[in-house]
N, C-alpha and C. Protein backbone atom coordinates (compact mmCIF):
# COMPACT_ATOMS: atom_id res chain seq x y z
N MET A 1 0.84 -1.18 0.00
CA MET A 1 0.00 0.00 0.00
C MET A 1 0.88 1.25 0.00
N VAL A 2 0.58 2.15 -0.88
CA VAL A 2 1.36 3.37 -1.00
C VAL A 2 0.59 4.51 -0.32
N LEU A 3 1.27 5.22 0.57
CA LEU A 3 0.64 6.37 1.21
C LEU A 3 0.73 7.57 0.29
N SER A 4 -0.32 8.35 0.25
CA SER A 4 -0.27 9.55 -0.56
C SER A 4 0.58 10.59 0.15
N SER A 5 1.13 11.50 -0.59
CA SER A 5 1.98 12.53 0.00
C SER A 5 1.19 13.43 0.96
N LYS A 6 -0.09 13.61 0.67
CA LYS A 6 -0.93 14.43 1.54
C LYS A 6 -1.11 13.78 2.90
N ILE A 7 -1.35 12.47 2.91
CA ILE A 7 -1.53 11.75 4.18
C ILE A 7 -0.23 11.73 4.96
N LEU A 8 0.87 11.49 4.28
CA LEU A 8 2.18 11.51 4.94
C LEU A 8 2.47 12.88 5.52
N ALA A 9 2.18 13.94 4.76
CA ALA A 9 2.40 15.31 5.25
C ALA A 9 1.54 15.60 6.47
N ARG A 10 0.31 15.11 6.48
CA ARG A 10 -0.57 15.33 7.64
C ARG A 10 -0.05 14.60 8.88
N PHE A 11 0.43 13.38 8.69
CA PHE A 11 1.01 12.63 9.80
C PHE A 11 2.24 13.37 10.36
N LEU A 12 3.14 13.78 9.47
CA LEU A 12 4.33 14.50 9.90
C LEU A 12 3.99 15.83 10.55
N LEU A 13 2.94 16.50 10.06
CA LEU A 13 2.51 17.76 10.65
C LEU A 13 2.04 17.57 12.08
N VAL A 14 1.21 16.56 12.32
CA VAL A 14 0.73 16.29 13.68
C VAL A 14 1.91 15.97 14.60
N LEU A 15 2.82 15.15 14.11
CA LEU A 15 4.00 14.79 14.90
C LEU A 15 4.86 16.02 15.21
N ALA A 16 5.15 16.82 14.19
CA ALA A 16 5.99 18.01 14.38
C ALA A 16 5.31 19.04 15.26
N ALA A 17 4.01 19.23 15.09
CA ALA A 17 3.29 20.20 15.93
C ALA A 17 3.31 19.76 17.39
N ALA A 18 3.14 18.47 17.63
CA ALA A 18 3.17 17.96 19.01
C ALA A 18 4.55 18.16 19.62
N VAL A 19 5.59 17.85 18.88
CA VAL A 19 6.96 18.02 19.39
C VAL A 19 7.23 19.50 19.68
N CYS A 20 6.84 20.38 18.76
CA CYS A 20 7.05 21.82 18.96
C CYS A 20 6.25 22.34 20.15
N ALA A 21 4.99 21.95 20.24
CA ALA A 21 4.15 22.44 21.34
C ALA A 21 4.70 21.99 22.69
N VAL A 22 5.04 20.71 22.80
CA VAL A 22 5.58 20.21 24.07
C VAL A 22 6.90 20.90 24.38
N GLY A 23 7.75 21.02 23.39
CA GLY A 23 9.05 21.66 23.61
C GLY A 23 8.97 23.12 23.97
N MET A 24 7.97 23.82 23.43
CA MET A 24 7.86 25.25 23.67
C MET A 24 7.05 25.59 24.92
N ILE A 25 6.28 24.63 25.42
CA ILE A 25 5.42 24.93 26.58
C ILE A 25 5.98 24.35 27.88
N THR A 26 6.59 23.18 27.81
CA THR A 26 7.06 22.51 29.02
C THR A 26 8.24 23.25 29.65
N PRO A 27 8.11 23.70 30.90
CA PRO A 27 9.18 24.46 31.54
C PRO A 27 10.49 23.69 31.66
N SER A 28 10.43 22.39 31.92
CA SER A 28 11.66 21.62 32.10
C SER A 28 12.44 21.43 30.79
N LEU A 29 11.80 21.68 29.67
CA LEU A 29 12.48 21.53 28.37
C LEU A 29 13.02 22.86 27.84
N GLN A 30 12.92 23.90 28.62
CA GLN A 30 13.40 25.20 28.16
C GLN A 30 14.90 25.13 27.92
N GLY A 31 15.33 25.55 26.76
CA GLY A 31 16.75 25.56 26.40
C GLY A 31 17.22 24.32 25.69
N VAL A 32 16.36 23.29 25.55
CA VAL A 32 16.76 22.06 24.87
C VAL A 32 17.10 22.32 23.41
N GLU A 33 16.43 23.29 22.79
CA GLU A 33 16.66 23.57 21.37
C GLU A 33 18.09 23.99 21.08
N LYS A 34 18.82 24.45 22.11
CA LYS A 34 20.21 24.87 21.90
C LYS A 34 21.12 23.69 21.55
N ASN A 35 20.64 22.46 21.77
CA ASN A 35 21.40 21.28 21.35
C ASN A 35 21.35 21.11 19.83
N PHE A 36 20.34 21.70 19.19
CA PHE A 36 20.16 21.56 17.75
C PHE A 36 20.46 22.84 16.99
N VAL A 37 20.00 23.97 17.54
CA VAL A 37 20.18 25.28 16.91
C VAL A 37 20.73 26.22 17.99
N PRO A 38 21.84 26.91 17.71
CA PRO A 38 22.49 27.68 18.77
C PRO A 38 21.69 28.86 19.32
N ALA A 39 20.81 29.44 18.55
CA ALA A 39 20.08 30.63 19.01
C ALA A 39 18.59 30.32 19.14
N ASP A 40 17.98 30.84 20.18
CA ASP A 40 16.55 30.60 20.45
C ASP A 40 15.69 31.08 19.29
N LYS A 41 15.96 32.28 18.79
CA LYS A 41 15.13 32.83 17.70
C LYS A 41 15.29 32.01 16.43
N ALA A 42 16.50 31.52 16.19
CA ALA A 42 16.71 30.67 15.01
C ALA A 42 15.92 29.37 15.14
N ALA A 43 15.83 28.84 16.35
CA ALA A 43 15.05 27.62 16.57
C ALA A 43 13.57 27.88 16.28
N HIS A 44 13.07 29.03 16.71
CA HIS A 44 11.67 29.38 16.42
C HIS A 44 11.47 29.52 14.90
N PHE A 45 12.41 30.18 14.23
CA PHE A 45 12.32 30.34 12.78
C PHE A 45 12.26 28.98 12.09
N VAL A 46 13.18 28.10 12.43
CA VAL A 46 13.26 26.78 11.80
C VAL A 46 11.99 25.98 12.07
N ALA A 47 11.52 26.01 13.33
CA ALA A 47 10.32 25.26 13.69
C ALA A 47 9.12 25.72 12.89
N PHE A 48 8.92 27.03 12.78
CA PHE A 48 7.72 27.52 12.09
C PHE A 48 7.88 27.50 10.57
N TYR A 49 9.09 27.53 10.07
CA TYR A 49 9.30 27.32 8.65
C TYR A 49 8.85 25.90 8.30
N GLY A 50 9.32 24.94 9.10
CA GLY A 50 8.95 23.55 8.86
C GLY A 50 7.48 23.28 9.04
N LEU A 51 6.89 23.82 10.11
CA LEU A 51 5.46 23.62 10.34
C LEU A 51 4.62 24.21 9.20
N THR A 52 4.98 25.39 8.75
CA THR A 52 4.22 26.04 7.67
C THR A 52 4.35 25.25 6.37
N ALA A 53 5.55 24.79 6.07
CA ALA A 53 5.75 23.99 4.86
C ALA A 53 4.95 22.70 4.93
N LEU A 54 4.94 22.05 6.09
CA LEU A 54 4.14 20.83 6.25
C LEU A 54 2.65 21.13 6.15
N MET A 55 2.21 22.26 6.70
CA MET A 55 0.79 22.63 6.60
C MET A 55 0.39 22.82 5.15
N MET A 56 1.26 23.44 4.37
CA MET A 56 0.93 23.67 2.95
C MET A 56 0.92 22.36 2.17
N ALA A 57 1.81 21.44 2.53
CA ALA A 57 1.82 20.13 1.86
C ALA A 57 0.63 19.29 2.28
N ALA A 58 0.23 19.42 3.54
CA ALA A 58 -0.89 18.62 4.06
C ALA A 58 -2.24 19.10 3.56
N PHE A 59 -2.34 20.39 3.30
CA PHE A 59 -3.62 20.97 2.86
C PHE A 59 -3.40 21.80 1.60
N PRO A 60 -3.12 21.14 0.47
CA PRO A 60 -2.74 21.86 -0.75
C PRO A 60 -3.86 22.70 -1.37
N LYS A 61 -5.11 22.42 -1.03
CA LYS A 61 -6.21 23.17 -1.64
C LYS A 61 -6.56 24.44 -0.86
N ASN A 62 -6.01 24.57 0.34
CA ASN A 62 -6.28 25.78 1.14
C ASN A 62 -5.41 26.93 0.64
N ARG A 63 -5.86 28.13 0.91
CA ARG A 63 -5.10 29.31 0.52
C ARG A 63 -3.81 29.40 1.33
N ARG A 64 -2.74 29.68 0.64
CA ARG A 64 -1.43 29.70 1.29
C ARG A 64 -1.32 30.80 2.34
N LEU A 65 -1.88 31.96 2.07
CA LEU A 65 -1.81 33.04 3.04
C LEU A 65 -2.56 32.68 4.31
N GLU A 66 -3.71 32.03 4.16
CA GLU A 66 -4.48 31.62 5.34
C GLU A 66 -3.72 30.58 6.16
N ILE A 67 -3.03 29.67 5.50
CA ILE A 67 -2.21 28.69 6.21
C ILE A 67 -1.08 29.39 6.96
N THR A 68 -0.46 30.36 6.31
CA THR A 68 0.63 31.11 6.94
C THR A 68 0.13 31.86 8.17
N LEU A 69 -1.02 32.50 8.05
CA LEU A 69 -1.59 33.22 9.19
C LEU A 69 -1.98 32.26 10.31
N ALA A 70 -2.45 31.07 9.95
CA ALA A 70 -2.78 30.07 10.97
C ALA A 70 -1.53 29.64 11.72
N ALA A 71 -0.41 29.53 11.02
CA ALA A 71 0.86 29.19 11.69
C ALA A 71 1.28 30.29 12.65
N VAL A 72 1.10 31.54 12.24
CA VAL A 72 1.44 32.67 13.12
C VAL A 72 0.51 32.66 14.35
N LEU A 73 -0.76 32.38 14.14
CA LEU A 73 -1.70 32.27 15.27
C LEU A 73 -1.30 31.13 16.21
N LEU A 74 -0.81 30.04 15.66
CA LEU A 74 -0.32 28.95 16.49
C LEU A 74 0.85 29.43 17.35
N GLY A 75 1.75 30.20 16.75
CA GLY A 75 2.86 30.77 17.51
C GLY A 75 2.38 31.67 18.63
N GLY A 76 1.37 32.50 18.34
CA GLY A 76 0.80 33.36 19.37
C GLY A 76 0.14 32.56 20.47
N SER A 77 -0.54 31.49 20.09
CA SER A 77 -1.18 30.62 21.08
C SER A 77 -0.15 29.98 22.00
N ILE A 78 0.97 29.58 21.43
CA ILE A 78 2.02 28.98 22.25
C ILE A 78 2.60 30.01 23.21
N GLU A 79 2.77 31.25 22.76
CA GLU A 79 3.28 32.29 23.65
C GLU A 79 2.29 32.56 24.79
N ILE A 80 1.00 32.55 24.49
CA ILE A 80 -0.01 32.73 25.54
C ILE A 80 0.02 31.55 26.51
N ALA A 81 0.15 30.33 25.98
CA ALA A 81 0.21 29.15 26.85
C ALA A 81 1.43 29.19 27.76
N GLN A 82 2.51 29.80 27.29
CA GLN A 82 3.71 29.90 28.12
C GLN A 82 3.48 30.75 29.36
N MET A 83 2.54 31.68 29.31
CA MET A 83 2.22 32.48 30.49
C MET A 83 1.72 31.58 31.62
N PHE A 84 1.00 30.54 31.27
CA PHE A 84 0.40 29.66 32.28
C PHE A 84 1.35 28.56 32.75
N THR A 85 2.48 28.41 32.08
CA THR A 85 3.45 27.38 32.48
C THR A 85 4.71 27.99 33.08
N HIS A 86 4.64 29.27 33.41
CA HIS A 86 5.76 29.98 34.04
C HIS A 86 7.01 30.01 33.18
N ARG A 87 6.80 30.12 31.89
CA ARG A 87 7.91 30.37 30.97
C ARG A 87 7.77 31.79 30.47
N GLY A 88 8.83 32.34 29.99
CA GLY A 88 8.81 33.71 29.53
C GLY A 88 8.04 33.89 28.24
N VAL A 89 7.21 34.91 28.20
CA VAL A 89 6.49 35.27 26.98
C VAL A 89 7.36 36.29 26.24
N SER A 90 7.53 36.07 24.95
CA SER A 90 8.44 36.93 24.21
C SER A 90 7.84 37.31 22.86
N LEU A 91 7.78 38.61 22.62
CA LEU A 91 7.36 39.06 21.30
C LEU A 91 8.43 38.74 20.27
N GLY A 92 9.68 38.64 20.72
CA GLY A 92 10.76 38.25 19.82
C GLY A 92 10.56 36.84 19.30
N ASP A 93 10.11 35.93 20.18
CA ASP A 93 9.83 34.56 19.74
C ASP A 93 8.68 34.54 18.74
N LEU A 94 7.64 35.31 19.03
CA LEU A 94 6.50 35.39 18.11
C LEU A 94 6.93 35.98 16.77
N SER A 95 7.79 36.97 16.81
CA SER A 95 8.31 37.55 15.56
C SER A 95 9.10 36.53 14.77
N ALA A 96 9.93 35.74 15.45
CA ALA A 96 10.71 34.70 14.76
C ALA A 96 9.78 33.65 14.18
N ASP A 97 8.71 33.32 14.90
CA ASP A 97 7.71 32.38 14.38
C ASP A 97 7.09 32.93 13.08
N ALA A 98 6.71 34.20 13.12
CA ALA A 98 6.07 34.82 11.96
C ALA A 98 7.03 34.90 10.78
N VAL A 99 8.27 35.26 11.04
CA VAL A 99 9.26 35.34 9.95
C VAL A 99 9.47 33.96 9.33
N GLY A 100 9.53 32.93 10.16
CA GLY A 100 9.67 31.56 9.65
C GLY A 100 8.49 31.16 8.79
N ALA A 101 7.28 31.48 9.24
CA ALA A 101 6.08 31.15 8.47
C ALA A 101 6.03 31.91 7.15
N PHE A 102 6.32 33.20 7.20
CA PHE A 102 6.26 34.00 5.97
C PHE A 102 7.42 33.71 5.03
N ALA A 103 8.51 33.13 5.55
CA ALA A 103 9.61 32.73 4.68
C ALA A 103 9.19 31.61 3.73
N VAL A 104 8.18 30.87 4.09
CA VAL A 104 7.62 29.84 3.19
C VAL A 104 6.68 30.49 2.19
N TRP A 105 5.86 31.42 2.67
CA TRP A 105 4.81 32.00 1.83
C TRP A 105 5.34 32.98 0.78
N VAL A 106 6.29 33.82 1.13
CA VAL A 106 6.75 34.90 0.23
C VAL A 106 7.23 34.38 -1.12
N PRO A 107 8.11 33.37 -1.19
CA PRO A 107 8.52 32.90 -2.53
C PRO A 107 7.35 32.36 -3.36
N MET A 108 6.38 31.72 -2.69
CA MET A 108 5.21 31.22 -3.42
C MET A 108 4.37 32.37 -3.95
N TRP A 109 4.24 33.41 -3.15
CA TRP A 109 3.47 34.59 -3.57
C TRP A 109 4.17 35.26 -4.74
N LEU A 110 5.50 35.40 -4.66
CA LEU A 110 6.24 36.02 -5.76
C LEU A 110 6.10 35.20 -7.04
N GLN A 111 6.13 33.89 -6.93
CA GLN A 111 5.93 33.04 -8.10
C GLN A 111 4.54 33.22 -8.69
N SER A 112 3.55 33.39 -7.82
CA SER A 112 2.18 33.58 -8.33
C SER A 112 2.05 34.89 -9.10
N LEU A 113 2.88 35.86 -8.79
CA LEU A 113 2.86 37.13 -9.53
C LEU A 113 3.42 36.94 -10.94
N ARG A 114 4.32 35.98 -11.09
CA ARG A 114 4.93 35.72 -12.39
C ARG A 114 3.99 34.96 -13.32
N SER A 115 3.25 34.01 -12.78
CA SER A 115 2.42 33.17 -13.64
C SER A 115 0.96 33.56 -13.49
N PRO A 116 0.22 33.50 -14.59
CA PRO A 116 -1.20 33.86 -14.51
C PRO A 116 -1.98 32.84 -13.71
N PRO A 117 -3.08 33.24 -13.14
CA PRO A 117 -3.91 32.29 -12.39
C PRO A 117 -4.40 31.15 -13.28
N VAL A 118 -4.82 30.08 -12.67
CA VAL A 118 -5.26 28.88 -13.39
C VAL A 118 -6.39 29.21 -14.37
N VAL A 119 -7.33 30.04 -13.96
CA VAL A 119 -8.45 30.37 -14.82
C VAL A 119 -7.95 31.07 -16.09
N GLU A 120 -7.00 31.96 -15.94
CA GLU A 120 -6.45 32.67 -17.10
C GLU A 120 -5.71 31.70 -18.02
N ARG A 121 -4.95 30.77 -17.45
CA ARG A 121 -4.23 29.78 -18.28
C ARG A 121 -5.22 28.91 -19.04
N ARG A 122 -6.31 28.52 -18.39
CA ARG A 122 -7.32 27.70 -19.08
C ARG A 122 -7.98 28.48 -20.21
N ARG A 123 -8.27 29.77 -19.98
CA ARG A 123 -8.89 30.58 -21.02
C ARG A 123 -7.96 30.71 -22.21
N ARG A 124 -6.67 30.93 -21.93
CA ARG A 124 -5.70 31.05 -23.03
C ARG A 124 -5.60 29.75 -23.82
N ALA A 125 -5.60 28.62 -23.08
CA ALA A 125 -5.55 27.32 -23.78
C ALA A 125 -6.78 27.11 -24.62
N SER A 126 -7.94 27.50 -24.10
CA SER A 126 -9.20 27.37 -24.83
C SER A 126 -9.18 28.24 -26.08
N ASP A 127 -8.67 29.46 -25.95
CA ASP A 127 -8.57 30.37 -27.09
C ASP A 127 -7.64 29.82 -28.15
N ALA A 128 -6.53 29.20 -27.72
CA ALA A 128 -5.57 28.64 -28.66
C ALA A 128 -6.18 27.47 -29.43
N VAL A 129 -6.99 26.67 -28.75
CA VAL A 129 -7.67 25.55 -29.42
C VAL A 129 -8.67 26.08 -30.45
N LYS A 130 -9.41 27.14 -30.09
CA LYS A 130 -10.39 27.72 -31.01
C LYS A 130 -9.71 28.30 -32.24
N GLU A 131 -8.56 28.96 -32.03
CA GLU A 131 -7.84 29.54 -33.16
C GLU A 131 -7.27 28.47 -34.08
N ALA A 132 -6.85 27.35 -33.51
CA ALA A 132 -6.28 26.25 -34.31
C ALA A 132 -7.36 25.55 -35.13
N ALA A 133 -8.60 25.63 -34.69
CA ALA A 133 -9.68 24.92 -35.40
C ALA A 133 -10.20 25.66 -36.57
């Protein structure tokens, strides 16, 4: 049985989100990310870059900007949850989360500016077929 890429992406997304949430909320795990990434903000960037990319792969039919904003909201939710677990709340961490999420979205948005929307491409193809006939 072959798993579809969408199902695999959804599985990896749930796994990655759980690891990130536990790592970012649990007080005893504070600073563990320094074993992988030397700077706290870089760890937030990498985590949310990966989460956003997985979200886009898991839900390819959803709008990319909405997925990116959902990732930023997730980062905000984690910062709020940290208030209740006696960890420091940081706008810098939230900013790093947002930059990581938008680092996935911006190149896709720029590419969409280069190529016409699907409807326009279909109309052009239809016009080309009519002209050939």
